[in-house]
N, C-alpha and C. Protein backbone atom coordinates (compact mmCIF):
# COMPACT_ATOMS: atom_id res chain seq x y z
N MET A 1 0.06 6.87 28.78
CA MET A 1 0.68 8.02 28.06
C MET A 1 2.09 7.74 28.27
N THR A 2 2.68 7.92 27.07
CA THR A 2 4.34 7.74 27.19
C THR A 2 4.84 8.64 26.32
N THR A 3 6.20 8.91 26.47
CA THR A 3 6.80 9.85 25.41
C THR A 3 7.72 8.89 24.43
N THR A 4 7.48 7.60 24.34
CA THR A 4 8.54 6.98 23.51
C THR A 4 8.21 6.88 22.14
N ASN A 5 8.76 6.43 21.20
CA ASN A 5 8.67 6.31 19.72
C ASN A 5 7.23 5.72 19.57
N PRO A 6 6.25 6.67 18.72
CA PRO A 6 5.17 5.99 18.28
C PRO A 6 5.00 4.66 17.90
N SER A 7 5.94 4.21 17.32
CA SER A 7 5.86 2.48 16.73
C SER A 7 5.86 1.78 17.93
N ASP A 8 6.32 2.17 19.13
CA ASP A 8 6.27 1.34 20.22
C ASP A 8 5.09 1.28 21.11
N GLU A 9 3.96 1.43 20.45
CA GLU A 9 2.75 1.47 21.18
C GLU A 9 1.94 0.06 21.53
N SER A 10 2.58 -1.17 21.13
CA SER A 10 2.19 -2.50 21.48
C SER A 10 3.33 -3.20 21.82
N GLU A 11 3.08 -4.39 22.25
CA GLU A 11 3.94 -5.24 22.72
C GLU A 11 4.66 -5.90 21.42
N ILE A 12 4.13 -6.17 20.45
CA ILE A 12 4.48 -6.74 19.20
C ILE A 12 5.27 -5.84 18.33
N THR A 13 5.08 -4.33 18.49
CA THR A 13 5.95 -3.22 17.81
C THR A 13 6.86 -2.81 18.51
N ARG A 14 6.98 -2.70 19.85
CA ARG A 14 7.96 -2.06 20.71
C ARG A 14 9.56 -2.74 20.25
N SER A 15 10.46 -1.72 20.39
CA SER A 15 11.69 -2.31 20.36
C SER A 15 12.36 -2.40 21.58
N ARG A 16 13.73 -2.95 21.39
CA ARG A 16 14.50 -3.11 22.77
C ARG A 16 14.86 -1.92 23.20
N ASN A 17 14.93 -0.94 22.39
CA ASN A 17 15.35 0.28 22.84
C ASN A 17 14.35 1.06 23.72
N ALA A 18 13.18 0.46 23.88
CA ALA A 18 12.31 1.15 24.67
C ALA A 18 12.50 1.21 26.16
N GLY A 19 13.42 0.14 26.54
CA GLY A 19 13.93 -0.10 28.01
C GLY A 19 12.72 -0.59 28.90
N GLY A 20 12.92 0.10 29.88
CA GLY A 20 11.65 -0.14 31.04
C GLY A 20 10.51 0.29 30.54
N THR A 21 10.26 1.52 29.81
CA THR A 21 8.91 1.91 29.25
C THR A 21 8.59 0.82 28.29
N GLY A 22 9.40 0.03 27.54
CA GLY A 22 8.88 -1.07 26.64
C GLY A 22 8.12 -2.06 27.55
N HIS A 23 8.64 -2.41 28.61
CA HIS A 23 8.26 -3.45 29.64
C HIS A 23 6.89 -2.99 29.95
N THR A 24 6.62 -1.65 30.23
CA THR A 24 5.28 -1.26 30.80
C THR A 24 4.43 -1.26 29.64
N ILE A 25 4.95 -0.94 28.33
CA ILE A 25 3.92 -1.01 27.12
C ILE A 25 3.38 -2.48 27.02
N ALA A 26 4.38 -3.30 27.18
CA ALA A 26 4.05 -4.84 26.81
C ALA A 26 2.92 -5.12 27.96
N LEU A 27 3.00 -4.93 29.07
CA LEU A 27 2.12 -5.33 30.04
C LEU A 27 0.85 -4.50 29.75
N ALA A 28 0.83 -3.27 29.50
CA ALA A 28 -0.52 -2.57 29.17
C ALA A 28 -1.05 -3.24 28.09
N ASP A 29 -0.16 -3.61 27.07
CA ASP A 29 -0.95 -4.28 25.82
C ASP A 29 -1.56 -5.62 26.10
N ARG A 30 -1.00 -6.59 26.93
CA ARG A 30 -1.36 -7.65 27.46
C ARG A 30 -2.67 -7.45 28.30
N TRP A 31 -2.82 -6.36 29.02
CA TRP A 31 -3.91 -6.24 29.85
C TRP A 31 -5.13 -5.54 29.03
N GLY A 32 -4.99 -4.97 27.72
CA GLY A 32 -5.92 -4.35 27.04
C GLY A 32 -5.91 -2.83 27.27
N ILE A 33 -4.83 -2.45 27.96
CA ILE A 33 -4.87 -0.96 28.24
C ILE A 33 -4.28 -0.09 27.10
N PRO A 34 -4.85 0.60 26.68
CA PRO A 34 -4.46 1.66 25.44
C PRO A 34 -3.22 2.36 25.89
N VAL A 35 -2.15 2.24 24.81
CA VAL A 35 -1.04 2.93 25.01
C VAL A 35 -0.96 4.10 24.04
N VAL A 36 -0.69 5.30 24.37
CA VAL A 36 -0.58 6.44 23.38
C VAL A 36 0.78 7.16 23.55
N SER A 37 1.70 6.97 22.41
CA SER A 37 2.77 7.95 22.91
C SER A 37 2.55 9.38 22.56
N LEU A 38 2.76 10.30 23.46
CA LEU A 38 2.79 11.87 23.08
C LEU A 38 3.69 12.27 22.18
N THR A 39 4.58 11.54 21.82
CA THR A 39 5.49 12.20 20.73
C THR A 39 4.84 12.14 19.30
N GLY A 40 3.51 11.46 19.44
CA GLY A 40 2.90 11.42 18.07
C GLY A 40 2.09 12.84 17.55
N GLY A 41 2.34 13.82 18.48
CA GLY A 41 1.71 15.09 18.22
C GLY A 41 0.26 15.00 18.14
N ARG A 42 -0.15 15.65 16.88
CA ARG A 42 -1.56 15.82 16.72
C ARG A 42 -2.62 14.36 16.80
N ALA A 43 -1.78 13.52 15.99
CA ALA A 43 -2.41 12.04 15.85
C ALA A 43 -2.64 11.52 17.51
N ALA A 44 -1.66 11.70 18.17
CA ALA A 44 -1.73 11.32 19.67
C ALA A 44 -2.69 11.91 20.30
N MET A 45 -3.10 13.14 20.24
CA MET A 45 -4.16 13.90 20.82
C MET A 45 -5.36 13.35 20.28
N GLU A 46 -5.62 13.30 19.09
CA GLU A 46 -6.76 12.53 18.61
C GLU A 46 -7.15 11.19 19.01
N ARG A 47 -6.14 10.29 19.20
CA ARG A 47 -6.43 9.01 19.85
C ARG A 47 -6.86 9.07 21.35
N ILE A 48 -6.19 9.91 22.01
CA ILE A 48 -6.75 10.30 23.33
C ILE A 48 -7.95 10.67 23.46
N SER A 49 -8.52 11.55 22.62
CA SER A 49 -9.75 12.01 22.56
C SER A 49 -10.97 10.98 22.21
N GLY A 50 -10.35 10.10 21.41
CA GLY A 50 -11.26 9.03 20.98
C GLY A 50 -11.40 7.79 22.11
N LEU A 51 -10.39 7.87 23.06
CA LEU A 51 -10.54 7.02 24.13
C LEU A 51 -11.44 7.49 25.09
N ALA A 52 -11.51 8.80 25.39
CA ALA A 52 -12.50 9.41 26.23
C ALA A 52 -14.07 9.30 25.86
N ALA A 53 -14.10 8.86 24.72
CA ALA A 53 -15.57 8.88 24.20
C ALA A 53 -16.28 7.74 24.63
């Protein structure tokens, strides 16, 4: 989970502005670890609950 821009949730879509968080997002994406930005509000919470299922 992160609090970056929701469009930065994968290595391909992350921006340079994501900084160190962007590097972590890229690594997680390469390893198949889901990345969910908490700034996504309700949509983020729904994605998180879907991961737990």
